[in-house]
Amino acid sequence: MSQPGAPRDKLGVVSLILGLVALITSWVVIGVFFGLAAIVTGSVGRTRAKRNGMPGAGIATTGMVLGVVSVLLAAAAVMGYLWFHHQTEQQHRCKVFDTYQPC
C-alpha cells in the first residue's frame, strides 16, 4: 500500500484551476476576473504553504503566473477590439460622405 503524501494547501490547486480557466477565457472580459482570482488565491496559497512548510507553493506560483498572463492577454484583446472598432468606424465615415480623399 502506498503511504499518503504530505497534506497540500488547497488554495494552490484552486489558483491553478482558476488560472487555466482564465487563460482559456482571456479573449473575453470574464477572463480578467478569473485571472485576478487566480492571482489572489495563488498569493495566499503560496504564503500559507511556505509558512506551514507544506508542498504546493509551486502550484500556487503557477496559478499566479497563469493569472497574470491571462490578465495581460485580456487587456491586449480589449485593446484589439477597440482598435478594430475604431478602424471600422473610420471606414464607415469615409463611405458615408463619399469622399475620394483618404480618411
C-alpha atoms as a PDB file:
ATOM      1  CA  MET A   1       0.000   0.000   0.000  1.00  0.00           C
ATOM      2  CA  SER A   2       1.179   3.478  -0.716  1.00  0.00           C
ATOM      3  CA  GLN A   3       1.626   5.998   2.031  1.00  0.00           C
ATOM      4  CA  PRO A   4      -0.402   9.185   1.742  1.00  0.00           C
ATOM      5  CA  GLY A   5       1.669  12.238   0.886  1.00  0.00           C
ATOM      6  CA  ALA A   6       2.021  15.319   2.991  1.00  0.00           C
ATOM      7  CA  PRO A   7      -1.121  17.438   3.127  1.00  0.00           C
ATOM      8  CA  ARG A   8      -1.246  20.101   0.433  1.00  0.00           C
ATOM      9  CA  ASP A   9      -2.563  23.593   0.621  1.00  0.00           C
ATOM     10  CA  LYS A  10      -5.727  23.535  -1.468  1.00  0.00           C
ATOM     11  CA  LEU A  11      -5.566  27.208  -2.436  1.00  0.00           C
ATOM     12  CA  GLY A  12      -2.641  26.416  -4.730  1.00  0.00           C
ATOM     13  CA  VAL A  13      -4.754  23.921  -6.642  1.00  0.00           C
ATOM     14  CA  VAL A  14      -7.664  26.373  -6.755  1.00  0.00           C
ATOM     15  CA  SER A  15      -5.295  29.028  -8.113  1.00  0.00           C
ATOM     16  CA  LEU A  16      -4.035  26.663 -10.814  1.00  0.00           C
ATOM     17  CA  ILE A  17      -7.573  25.780 -11.905  1.00  0.00           C
ATOM     18  CA  LEU A  18      -8.635  29.435 -11.926  1.00  0.00           C
ATOM     19  CA  GLY A  19      -5.500  30.334 -13.884  1.00  0.00           C
ATOM     20  CA  LEU A  20      -6.267  27.714 -16.530  1.00  0.00           C
ATOM     21  CA  VAL A  21      -9.876  28.874 -16.834  1.00  0.00           C
ATOM     22  CA  ALA A  22      -8.663  32.478 -17.035  1.00  0.00           C
ATOM     23  CA  LEU A  23      -6.213  31.598 -19.783  1.00  0.00           C
ATOM     24  CA  ILE A  24      -8.921  29.869 -21.803  1.00  0.00           C
ATOM     25  CA  THR A  25     -11.378  32.757 -21.372  1.00  0.00           C
ATOM     26  CA  SER A  26      -8.855  35.591 -21.628  1.00  0.00           C
ATOM     27  CA  TRP A  27     -10.177  36.726 -25.014  1.00  0.00           C
ATOM     28  CA  VAL A  28     -13.451  37.754 -23.364  1.00  0.00           C
ATOM     29  CA  VAL A  29     -13.779  40.166 -20.473  1.00  0.00           C
ATOM     30  CA  ILE A  30     -14.704  37.500 -17.894  1.00  0.00           C
ATOM     31  CA  GLY A  31     -11.181  36.088 -18.145  1.00  0.00           C
ATOM     32  CA  VAL A  32      -9.917  39.139 -16.261  1.00  0.00           C
ATOM     33  CA  PHE A  33     -11.981  38.205 -13.211  1.00  0.00           C
ATOM     34  CA  PHE A  34     -10.767  34.604 -13.259  1.00  0.00           C
ATOM     35  CA  GLY A  35      -7.208  35.885 -13.667  1.00  0.00           C
ATOM     36  CA  LEU A  36      -7.500  38.252 -10.713  1.00  0.00           C
ATOM     37  CA  ALA A  37      -8.980  35.458  -8.597  1.00  0.00           C
ATOM     38  CA  ALA A  38      -6.075  33.181  -9.602  1.00  0.00           C
ATOM     39  CA  ILE A  39      -3.565  35.842  -8.589  1.00  0.00           C
ATOM     40  CA  VAL A  40      -5.186  36.397  -5.179  1.00  0.00           C
ATOM     41  CA  THR A  41      -5.687  32.728  -4.320  1.00  0.00           C
ATOM     42  CA  GLY A  42      -2.202  31.884  -5.574  1.00  0.00           C
ATOM     43  CA  SER A  43      -0.630  34.566  -3.431  1.00  0.00           C
ATOM     44  CA  VAL A  44      -2.495  33.473  -0.306  1.00  0.00           C
ATOM     45  CA  GLY A  45      -1.883  29.773  -1.032  1.00  0.00           C
ATOM     46  CA  ARG A  46       1.825  30.313  -1.667  1.00  0.00           C
ATOM     47  CA  THR A  47       2.255  32.299   1.549  1.00  0.00           C
ATOM     48  CA  ARG A  48       0.312  29.721   3.559  1.00  0.00           C
ATOM     49  CA  ALA A  49       2.235  26.780   2.074  1.00  0.00           C
ATOM     50  CA  LYS A  50       5.614  28.369   2.757  1.00  0.00           C
ATOM     51  CA  ARG A  51       4.662  29.383   6.292  1.00  0.00           C
ATOM     52  CA  ASN A  52       3.391  25.917   7.223  1.00  0.00           C
ATOM     53  CA  GLY A  53       6.112  24.029   5.356  1.00  0.00           C
ATOM     54  CA  MET A  54       3.577  22.278   3.142  1.00  0.00           C
ATOM     55  CA  PRO A  55       4.090  21.365  -0.503  1.00  0.00           C
ATOM     56  CA  GLY A  56       2.072  23.326  -3.021  1.00  0.00           C
ATOM     57  CA  ALA A  57       3.919  26.620  -3.254  1.00  0.00           C
ATOM     58  CA  GLY A  58       4.977  25.771  -6.817  1.00  0.00           C
ATOM     59  CA  ILE A  59       1.428  25.028  -7.876  1.00  0.00           C
ATOM     60  CA  ALA A  60       0.252  28.304  -6.366  1.00  0.00           C
ATOM     61  CA  THR A  61       3.021  30.168  -8.176  1.00  0.00           C
ATOM     62  CA  THR A  62       1.995  28.552 -11.456  1.00  0.00           C
ATOM     63  CA  GLY A  63      -1.605  29.652 -10.869  1.00  0.00           C
ATOM     64  CA  MET A  64      -0.428  33.196 -10.164  1.00  0.00           C
ATOM     65  CA  VAL A  65       1.646  33.288 -13.355  1.00  0.00           C
ATOM     66  CA  LEU A  66      -1.268  31.980 -15.422  1.00  0.00           C
ATOM     67  CA  GLY A  67      -3.476  34.639 -13.842  1.00  0.00           C
ATOM     68  CA  VAL A  68      -1.055  37.433 -14.730  1.00  0.00           C
ATOM     69  CA  VAL A  69      -0.640  36.148 -18.293  1.00  0.00           C
ATOM     70  CA  SER A  70      -4.405  35.901 -18.766  1.00  0.00           C
ATOM     71  CA  VAL A  71      -4.975  39.445 -17.455  1.00  0.00           C
ATOM     72  CA  LEU A  72      -2.343  40.740 -19.889  1.00  0.00           C
ATOM     73  CA  LEU A  73      -3.894  38.774 -22.768  1.00  0.00           C
ATOM     74  CA  ALA A  74      -7.343  40.085 -21.874  1.00  0.00           C
ATOM     75  CA  ALA A  75      -6.013  43.663 -21.839  1.00  0.00           C
ATOM     76  CA  ALA A  76      -4.455  43.091 -25.266  1.00  0.00           C
ATOM     77  CA  ALA A  77      -7.739  41.643 -26.534  1.00  0.00           C
ATOM     78  CA  VAL A  78      -9.690  44.672 -25.310  1.00  0.00           C
ATOM     79  CA  MET A  79      -7.195  46.997 -26.968  1.00  0.00           C
ATOM     80  CA  GLY A  80      -7.505  44.972 -30.176  1.00  0.00           C
ATOM     81  CA  TYR A  81     -11.289  45.163 -30.059  1.00  0.00           C
ATOM     82  CA  LEU A  82     -11.143  48.926 -29.559  1.00  0.00           C
ATOM     83  CA  TRP A  83      -8.639  49.370 -32.392  1.00  0.00           C
ATOM     84  CA  PHE A  84     -10.746  47.233 -34.743  1.00  0.00           C
ATOM     85  CA  HIS A  85     -13.896  49.151 -33.812  1.00  0.00           C
ATOM     86  CA  HIS A  86     -12.141  52.460 -34.440  1.00  0.00           C
ATOM     87  CA  GLN A  87     -10.911  51.276 -37.845  1.00  0.00           C
ATOM     88  CA  THR A  88     -14.349  50.124 -38.964  1.00  0.00           C
ATOM     89  CA  GLU A  89     -15.929  53.392 -37.761  1.00  0.00           C
ATOM     90  CA  GLN A  90     -13.335  55.363 -39.708  1.00  0.00           C
ATOM     91  CA  GLN A  91     -14.011  53.368 -42.901  1.00  0.00           C
ATOM     92  CA  HIS A  92     -17.750  53.756 -42.434  1.00  0.00           C
ATOM     93  CA  ARG A  93     -17.436  57.550 -42.192  1.00  0.00           C
ATOM     94  CA  CYS A  94     -15.486  57.717 -45.449  1.00  0.00           C
ATOM     95  CA  LYS A  95     -18.123  55.703 -47.286  1.00  0.00           C
ATOM     96  CA  VAL A  96     -20.980  57.752 -45.875  1.00  0.00           C
ATOM     97  CA  PHE A  97     -19.614  61.091 -47.012  1.00  0.00           C
ATOM     98  CA  ASP A  98     -18.494  59.734 -50.430  1.00  0.00           C
ATOM     99  CA  THR A  99     -15.173  61.474 -50.286  1.00  0.00           C
ATOM    100  CA  TYR A 100     -12.344  60.450 -52.530  1.00  0.00           C
ATOM    101  CA  GLN A 101      -9.759  61.726 -50.089  1.00  0.00           C
ATOM    102  CA  PRO A 102      -8.002  59.362 -47.746  1.00  0.00           C
ATOM    103  CA  CYS A 103      -9.670  59.184 -44.358  1.00  0.00           C
END
